Amino acid sequence: MRQALLLLILLATAALGADEARTAKATELVKVMQTKEHFAKGVADDMNAGMGPALKEMPAEQRESFAAAMVEVSAIISERVAWADVESQYVALYAEQFTVEELDALIAFYRTPVGTALATRAPVIAQTLSTIKMEQLQKLMPEIQKVMMAAMSKGKQQDKLAKAEKAGLVIGKPFPALELPTTDGGTISTAALSGKVVLIDFWATWCGPCVRELPHVKKAYEQYHDQGFEIIGVSLDEDTDKLSAFVKEQAIPWKQHCDGQGWQGPLPKRFAVTSIPATFLVGRDGTLVK
């Protein structure tokens, strides 16, 4: 047991020594590569390369002021980006990626005239390559944006469906039972409307699209009401007096529910309503149609 413990200590000590050697070599490599001298300028150059394609697309009257601002930003970066804050990260990166032998070879190379020339010119080369990449990326940006927007739209749709399913809103399945107080002092329920086609309409008097849709909804109600078509209005108004006045003014014939809580009320959350107008159509058999 004692021998095994001694062996572990020796191995750990050897590993620690190897790590220290690599760190020392990596520190030396970072120095001969002139990394410190080029660091702050490199950060500014990367930013300029990234903004370059956008600058070219700007109207001439904006381009001059934007270019001047970029010069000022570059000066701020050069002044405030401190090498001391990142030196250890550079050293750790090289120590992790290369062996001691490889680090020795790299140090030897960067001490040659060719290596020194490469270290001196590397920032210019890196900036030019970065600009080339960004210009190519800029050409593809419309297509990239199209793909990303489609993915986001799909994600939102899937999220909407998941929320609807969680709320029990699945087409072809029974619609959740509702019994609501109405603004005229009565109540209305889906159970009482069994055997009828029911449109549950989330809306508000302050909602422009809702108000614009109102004549079409009234026309459908007048046309199909005698055939068993009903509407339950769920208003997200907070001013119930204003709602009552609007309903009277517009001669809206169907019942309205309004708890005066707007979006904070329980029904928008229960039915995953995030925008209005929002409607749910319930068939004669009580299942969700749309």
Foldseek 3Di string as FASTA:
>chain_A
DVVVVVVVVVVVVVVVVQLVLLLVLLLLLCVLLVCQVCPLVLVLLLVCLLCVVVLVVDDPVVNVVVVVVSVVVSVVSSVPVHCVVCVSVSSVVSSVPDGSVVSVVSSVQSVDPVNVVCSVCVSVVVSVVSNVVNNVVVVCVVVVVVVVVVVVVVVVVVVLVVLQVVLVADFPAFDDWDWAQFLVGRIDIVVVLAQAKEKEWEEEPVDPVVVVCVVVVQVVCVVCVVVRYAYEYEYLALPSVVVVVVCVVVVPPHTYGYPSNRCPDDVCSSNVPDDPRDMWIADNNRGTND
